């Protein structure tokens, strides 16, 4: 059977004769297949070479990332060390402040270790372990140290709050504790369970101290508090009574003039009355009492060290 043939006319220029080439269809197909195979091989080779280059680039990128991670971990460890030093200083200050506030120091083991870890049992449990065990171990150690420091910082913050509350309460107690002589004068009669009464002529308890002073001498509050009585009281004459809280109350009797009213808030040293001889009194003086939970106490036990005439 005759084959299909292709005739190719080759023309170089106008002066050259036309050349005629006859090619069978089978040969053209073989040429096409050969060219296709060659092109495929070239593209396959290019793809193989390209994939190797990408892999090398990925490897270089991974090495660069590992180096950067190592540097960042080293910097993190330095910062952790600095943070730990700062917490050591704060722990020492906390110890001193707790002592001043009358609180026991935090147990050293509690302060050093705290409770719990970074939330993981071991470096092997991290996702990084399968990729880079060494980096995983370093990261785990840094995470553990950070968690411990965070717990320690939180514990110190709570301790500072407790110290502040204690100091505030302690300061309030000191401000509310009677600690000064309410007036200037001469201590003419002391606290006694059985004193010969100058008017009644028999032994009776003297539940305070008497301070002789000229009429009109200022009477000062012995501590801060609230006025709960200001007026005439049998035996005391014109009297001021102050509730200082914490079970403390004070009484100031025989005044010639009262300068405060019931419910008024006063500070230590505030002028509340003037010395007089009202009530049962033979001369101008201040009768001063200190009571703790209602029980009379010797006022001189509360006066800060000073010369008492």
Protein backbone atom coordinates (compact mmCIF):
# COMPACT_ATOMS: atom_id res chain seq x y z
CA UNK A 1 0.00 0.00 0.00
CA UNK A 2 1.36 3.38 -0.99
CA UNK A 3 2.32 5.72 1.86
CA UNK A 4 1.34 9.35 2.18
CA UNK A 5 4.24 11.55 1.39
CA UNK A 6 4.95 15.19 2.11
CA UNK A 7 6.74 17.43 -0.38
CA UNK A 8 8.81 20.30 1.01
CA UNK A 9 9.87 23.12 -1.34
CA UNK A 10 13.08 24.91 -0.27
CA UNK A 11 13.63 28.37 -1.74
CA UNK A 12 16.90 30.12 -0.87
CA UNK A 13 16.63 33.23 -3.00
CA UNK A 14 15.29 34.27 -6.43
CA UNK A 15 18.43 33.23 -8.34
CA UNK A 16 18.76 29.72 -6.86
CA UNK A 17 16.65 26.93 -8.16
CA UNK A 18 13.83 25.57 -6.03
CA UNK A 19 14.74 22.37 -4.23
CA UNK A 20 12.10 19.72 -3.64
CA UNK A 21 12.27 17.24 -0.75
CA UNK A 22 9.82 14.41 -0.29
CA UNK A 23 9.31 12.98 3.22
CA UNK A 24 6.98 10.19 4.24
CA UNK A 25 4.39 10.65 7.01
CA UNK A 26 6.04 7.91 9.10
CA UNK A 27 9.34 9.74 9.15
CA UNK A 28 7.67 12.97 10.21
CA UNK A 29 5.97 11.14 13.09
CA UNK A 30 9.32 9.67 14.15
CA UNK A 31 10.91 13.12 14.07
CA UNK A 32 8.05 14.58 16.14
CA UNK A 33 8.33 11.81 18.72
CA UNK A 34 12.08 12.32 18.98
CA UNK A 35 11.73 16.07 19.41
CA UNK A 36 9.02 15.55 22.05
CA UNK A 37 11.14 13.08 23.96
CA UNK A 38 14.07 15.49 23.89
CA UNK A 39 11.95 18.38 25.13
CA UNK A 40 10.53 16.20 27.93
CA UNK A 41 14.01 15.12 28.98
CA UNK A 42 15.22 18.73 29.05
CA UNK A 43 12.30 19.82 31.22
CA UNK A 44 12.74 16.83 33.55
CA UNK A 45 16.42 17.60 33.97
CA UNK A 46 15.66 21.25 34.69
CA UNK A 47 13.06 20.25 37.29
CA UNK A 48 15.51 17.87 38.99
CA UNK A 49 18.21 20.50 39.11
CA UNK A 50 15.73 23.07 40.36
CA UNK A 51 14.46 20.84 43.17
CA UNK A 52 17.99 20.24 44.38
CA UNK A 53 18.64 23.98 44.48
CA UNK A 54 15.48 24.59 46.48
CA UNK A 55 16.49 21.88 48.95
CA UNK A 56 19.90 23.49 49.36
CA UNK A 57 18.24 26.87 49.89
CA UNK A 58 15.89 25.33 52.47
CA UNK A 59 18.85 23.80 54.28
CA UNK A 60 20.66 27.13 54.38
CA UNK A 61 17.54 28.86 55.62
CA UNK A 62 17.10 26.24 58.34
CA UNK A 63 20.70 26.71 59.49
CA UNK A 64 20.22 30.47 59.62
CA UNK A 65 17.02 30.06 61.64
CA UNK A 66 18.77 27.67 64.06
CA UNK A 67 21.58 30.15 64.57
CA UNK A 68 19.08 32.94 65.21
CA UNK A 69 17.14 30.74 67.65
CA UNK A 70 20.37 29.91 69.50
CA UNK A 71 21.22 33.61 69.81
CA UNK A 72 17.73 34.47 71.03
CA UNK A 73 17.84 31.69 73.62
CA UNK A 74 21.21 32.95 74.88
CA UNK A 75 19.82 36.49 75.18
CA UNK A 76 16.74 35.14 76.98
CA UNK A 77 18.92 33.28 79.48
CA UNK A 78 20.80 36.52 80.22
CA UNK A 79 17.56 38.38 80.78
CA UNK A 80 16.29 35.62 83.06
CA UNK A 81 19.50 35.85 85.10
CA UNK A 82 19.04 39.62 85.44
CA UNK A 83 15.40 39.18 86.45
CA UNK A 84 16.43 36.63 89.05
CA UNK A 85 18.92 39.09 90.56
CA UNK A 86 16.24 41.76 90.78
CA UNK A 87 13.88 39.36 92.55
CA UNK A 88 16.65 38.50 95.01
CA UNK A 89 16.89 42.18 95.96
CA UNK A 90 13.11 42.46 96.24
CA UNK A 91 13.01 39.33 98.41
CA UNK A 92 15.49 40.88 100.85
CA UNK A 93 13.48 44.09 100.99
CA UNK A 94 10.33 42.07 101.53
CA UNK A 95 11.97 40.25 104.44
CA UNK A 96 12.91 43.57 106.07
CA UNK A 97 9.50 45.08 105.48
CA UNK A 98 7.69 42.05 106.90
CA UNK A 99 9.84 42.29 110.03
CA UNK A 100 8.93 45.99 110.41
CA UNK A 101 5.27 45.15 109.87
CA UNK A 102 5.38 42.44 112.52
CA UNK A 103 4.85 39.61 110.02
CA UNK A 104 6.75 36.35 109.77
CA UNK A 105 9.06 36.00 106.79
CA UNK A 106 8.05 33.86 103.81
CA UNK A 107 9.42 30.31 104.03
CA UNK A 108 12.62 30.08 101.97
CA UNK A 109 11.53 26.91 100.17
CA UNK A 110 8.20 28.45 99.18
CA UNK A 111 9.93 31.60 97.97
CA UNK A 112 12.60 29.68 96.05
CA UNK A 113 10.58 26.94 94.41
CA UNK A 114 6.90 27.87 94.48
CA UNK A 115 4.37 25.38 93.14
CA UNK A 116 4.22 23.67 89.76
CA UNK A 117 6.29 24.02 86.58
CA UNK A 118 5.87 25.37 83.06
CA UNK A 119 2.95 23.05 82.38
CA UNK A 120 4.98 20.29 80.67
CA UNK A 121 6.49 17.19 82.23
CA UNK A 122 9.72 17.06 80.21
CA UNK A 123 11.48 18.46 77.10
CA UNK A 124 10.47 15.32 75.18
CA UNK A 125 6.82 16.37 75.45
CA UNK A 126 7.41 19.56 73.44
CA UNK A 127 6.69 19.76 69.70
CA UNK A 128 10.24 21.01 69.09
CA UNK A 129 11.81 17.79 70.42
CA UNK A 130 11.36 15.83 67.16
CA UNK A 131 12.90 18.67 65.14
CA UNK A 132 15.79 19.75 67.39
CA UNK A 133 16.21 18.00 70.77
CA UNK A 134 18.98 20.36 71.92
CA UNK A 135 16.92 23.45 71.20
CA UNK A 136 13.91 21.77 72.81
CA UNK A 137 15.89 21.16 76.02
CA UNK A 138 17.12 24.77 76.11
CA UNK A 139 13.63 26.13 75.47
CA UNK A 140 12.13 23.89 78.14
CA UNK A 141 14.73 25.00 80.71
CA UNK A 142 14.10 28.67 79.92
CA UNK A 143 10.34 28.16 80.17
CA UNK A 144 10.74 26.41 83.51
CA UNK A 145 12.89 29.22 84.92
CA UNK A 146 10.48 31.88 83.67
CA UNK A 147 7.53 30.10 85.26
CA UNK A 148 9.39 29.88 88.58
CA UNK A 149 10.28 33.59 88.45
CA UNK A 150 6.70 34.52 87.57
CA UNK A 151 5.40 32.56 90.56
CA UNK A 152 8.02 34.19 92.78
CA UNK A 153 7.13 37.67 91.53
CA UNK A 154 3.43 36.97 92.12
CA UNK A 155 4.20 35.74 95.64
CA UNK A 156 6.22 38.87 96.40
CA UNK A 157 3.42 41.08 95.06
CA UNK A 158 0.97 39.40 97.44
CA UNK A 159 3.48 39.77 100.27
CA UNK A 160 3.90 43.50 99.58
CA UNK A 161 0.11 43.90 99.73
CA UNK A 162 0.04 42.10 103.09
CA UNK A 163 2.90 44.26 104.39
CA UNK A 164 1.08 47.41 103.27
CA UNK A 165 -2.14 46.33 104.99
CA UNK A 166 -0.27 45.40 108.17
CA UNK A 167 1.66 48.67 108.27
CA UNK A 168 -1.51 50.63 107.66
CA UNK A 169 -3.27 48.80 110.49
CA UNK A 170 -0.20 49.17 112.71
CA UNK A 171 0.01 52.88 111.96
CA UNK A 172 -3.67 53.30 112.65
CA UNK A 173 -3.24 51.46 115.96
CA UNK A 174 -0.33 53.71 116.94
CA UNK A 175 -2.30 56.83 116.01
CA UNK A 176 -5.25 55.52 118.06
CA UNK A 177 -3.23 54.63 121.17
CA UNK A 178 -3.23 57.31 123.94
CA UNK A 179 0.39 58.38 124.27
CA UNK A 180 0.67 62.00 125.49
CA UNK A 181 -0.26 63.97 128.60
CA UNK A 182 -3.33 65.94 127.61
CA UNK A 183 -2.28 69.20 129.30
CA UNK A 184 0.68 71.03 130.79
CA UNK A 185 0.76 71.16 134.56
CA UNK A 186 1.71 69.37 137.74
CA UNK A 187 0.86 65.67 138.30
CA UNK A 188 -0.96 66.10 141.61
CA UNK A 189 -2.64 62.70 141.97
CA UNK A 190 -1.81 59.33 140.48
CA UNK A 191 -3.84 56.29 139.48
CA UNK A 192 -4.80 54.22 142.55
CA UNK A 193 -7.18 51.48 143.62
CA UNK A 194 -7.63 53.14 147.05
CA UNK A 195 -6.99 56.89 147.39
CA UNK A 196 -8.19 59.11 150.21
CA UNK A 197 -10.77 61.25 148.45
CA UNK A 198 -10.17 64.96 149.20
CA UNK A 199 -13.89 65.72 149.45
CA UNK A 200 -15.55 62.48 150.58
CA UNK A 201 -12.81 61.87 153.14
CA UNK A 202 -12.61 58.12 152.59
CA UNK A 203 -10.61 55.75 150.44
CA UNK A 204 -12.01 55.34 146.95
CA UNK A 205 -10.54 54.10 143.68
CA UNK A 206 -8.92 56.88 141.62
CA UNK A 207 -9.32 55.62 138.06
CA UNK A 208 -7.13 58.22 136.41
CA UNK A 209 -4.56 60.92 137.10
CA UNK A 210 -5.02 64.56 138.09
CA UNK A 211 -2.94 67.28 136.45
CA UNK A 212 -3.11 70.64 138.19
CA UNK A 213 -3.07 73.60 135.80
CA UNK A 214 -4.47 77.13 135.61
CA UNK A 215 -8.05 77.56 134.49
CA UNK A 216 -8.29 77.85 130.72
CA UNK A 217 -5.16 75.78 129.99
CA UNK A 218 -5.74 73.84 126.72
CA UNK A 219 -6.67 70.16 127.00
CA UNK A 220 -5.46 68.07 124.06
CA UNK A 221 -6.67 64.72 122.75
CA UNK A 222 -4.25 61.94 123.68
CA UNK A 223 -4.84 60.13 120.35
CA UNK A 224 -7.06 60.30 117.29
CA UNK A 225 -10.64 59.14 117.64
CA UNK A 226 -14.31 60.08 117.75
CA UNK A 227 -16.01 62.16 120.44
CA UNK A 228 -18.72 60.02 122.03
CA UNK A 229 -19.62 62.30 124.93
CA UNK A 230 -19.30 66.05 125.51
CA UNK A 231 -21.27 67.55 128.36
CA UNK A 232 -22.01 67.45 132.05
CA UNK A 233 -21.42 64.15 133.83
CA UNK A 234 -22.02 63.65 137.56
CA UNK A 235 -18.74 63.78 139.47
CA UNK A 236 -16.72 64.71 136.35
CA UNK A 237 -18.40 68.05 135.70
CA UNK A 238 -17.86 69.19 132.12
CA UNK A 239 -16.33 66.12 130.46
CA UNK A 240 -15.22 64.92 127.02
CA UNK A 241 -15.00 61.20 126.25
CA UNK A 242 -13.25 59.95 123.10
CA UNK A 243 -13.46 56.52 121.50
CA UNK A 244 -10.13 55.74 119.80
CA UNK A 245 -11.01 52.28 118.50
CA UNK A 246 -9.15 49.05 119.32
CA UNK A 247 -10.91 49.10 122.71
CA UNK A 248 -9.33 52.41 123.82
CA UNK A 249 -11.37 55.28 125.32
CA UNK A 250 -10.20 58.37 127.22
CA UNK A 251 -12.00 60.78 129.55
CA UNK A 252 -11.18 64.44 130.29
CA UNK A 253 -13.04 65.81 133.33
CA UNK A 254 -13.60 69.04 135.31
CA UNK A 255 -13.23 71.23 132.21
CA UNK A 256 -14.24 74.89 132.22
CA UNK A 257 -15.11 74.87 128.52
CA UNK A 258 -15.78 72.16 125.92
CA UNK A 259 -14.57 72.77 122.36
CA UNK A 260 -15.88 69.65 120.56
CA UNK A 261 -19.22 67.99 119.89
CA UNK A 262 -20.42 64.37 119.86
CA UNK A 263 -19.54 62.57 116.62
CA UNK A 264 -16.62 64.85 115.80
CA UNK A 265 -13.46 63.22 114.42
CA UNK A 266 -10.28 64.46 116.07
CA UNK A 267 -6.54 63.86 115.76
CA UNK A 268 -3.92 63.43 118.46
CA UNK A 269 -3.04 66.86 119.86
CA UNK A 270 -6.33 68.51 118.86
CA UNK A 271 -7.64 70.99 121.44
CA UNK A 272 -10.88 69.56 122.86
CA UNK A 273 -11.47 71.56 126.09
CA UNK A 274 -9.96 73.90 128.68
CA UNK A 275 -8.93 73.12 132.23
CA UNK A 276 -11.41 74.08 134.97
CA UNK A 277 -12.86 72.99 138.31
CA UNK A 278 -16.37 71.86 137.33
CA UNK A 279 -18.01 68.92 139.08
CA UNK A 280 -16.54 67.51 142.30
CA UNK A 281 -13.21 69.35 142.41
CA UNK A 282 -11.35 71.45 145.00
CA UNK A 283 -9.17 73.34 142.50
CA UNK A 284 -8.54 73.82 138.81
CA UNK A 285 -7.18 70.63 137.30
CA UNK A 286 -7.73 67.97 134.63
CA UNK A 287 -8.90 64.50 135.63
CA UNK A 288 -7.65 62.18 132.84
CA UNK A 289 -8.60 58.51 132.41
CA UNK A 290 -7.62 55.75 129.98
CA UNK A 291 -9.87 52.71 129.63
CA UNK A 292 -9.23 49.51 127.66
CA UNK A 293 -12.37 47.55 126.84
CA UNK A 294 -14.11 49.52 129.57
CA UNK A 295 -11.55 48.73 132.27
CA UNK A 296 -9.64 51.65 133.86
CA UNK A 297 -5.88 51.60 133.24
CA UNK A 298 -3.03 53.68 134.63
CA UNK A 299 -2.69 56.51 132.05
CA UNK A 300 1.03 56.84 132.81
CA UNK A 301 1.59 53.38 131.32
CA UNK A 302 0.62 54.86 127.95
CA UNK A 303 2.56 58.11 128.08
CA UNK A 304 5.69 58.10 125.94
CA UNK A 305 8.93 58.65 127.93
CA UNK A 306 9.20 62.30 128.93
CA UNK A 307 9.58 64.48 132.00
CA UNK A 308 6.38 64.45 134.05
CA UNK A 309 6.26 67.22 136.66
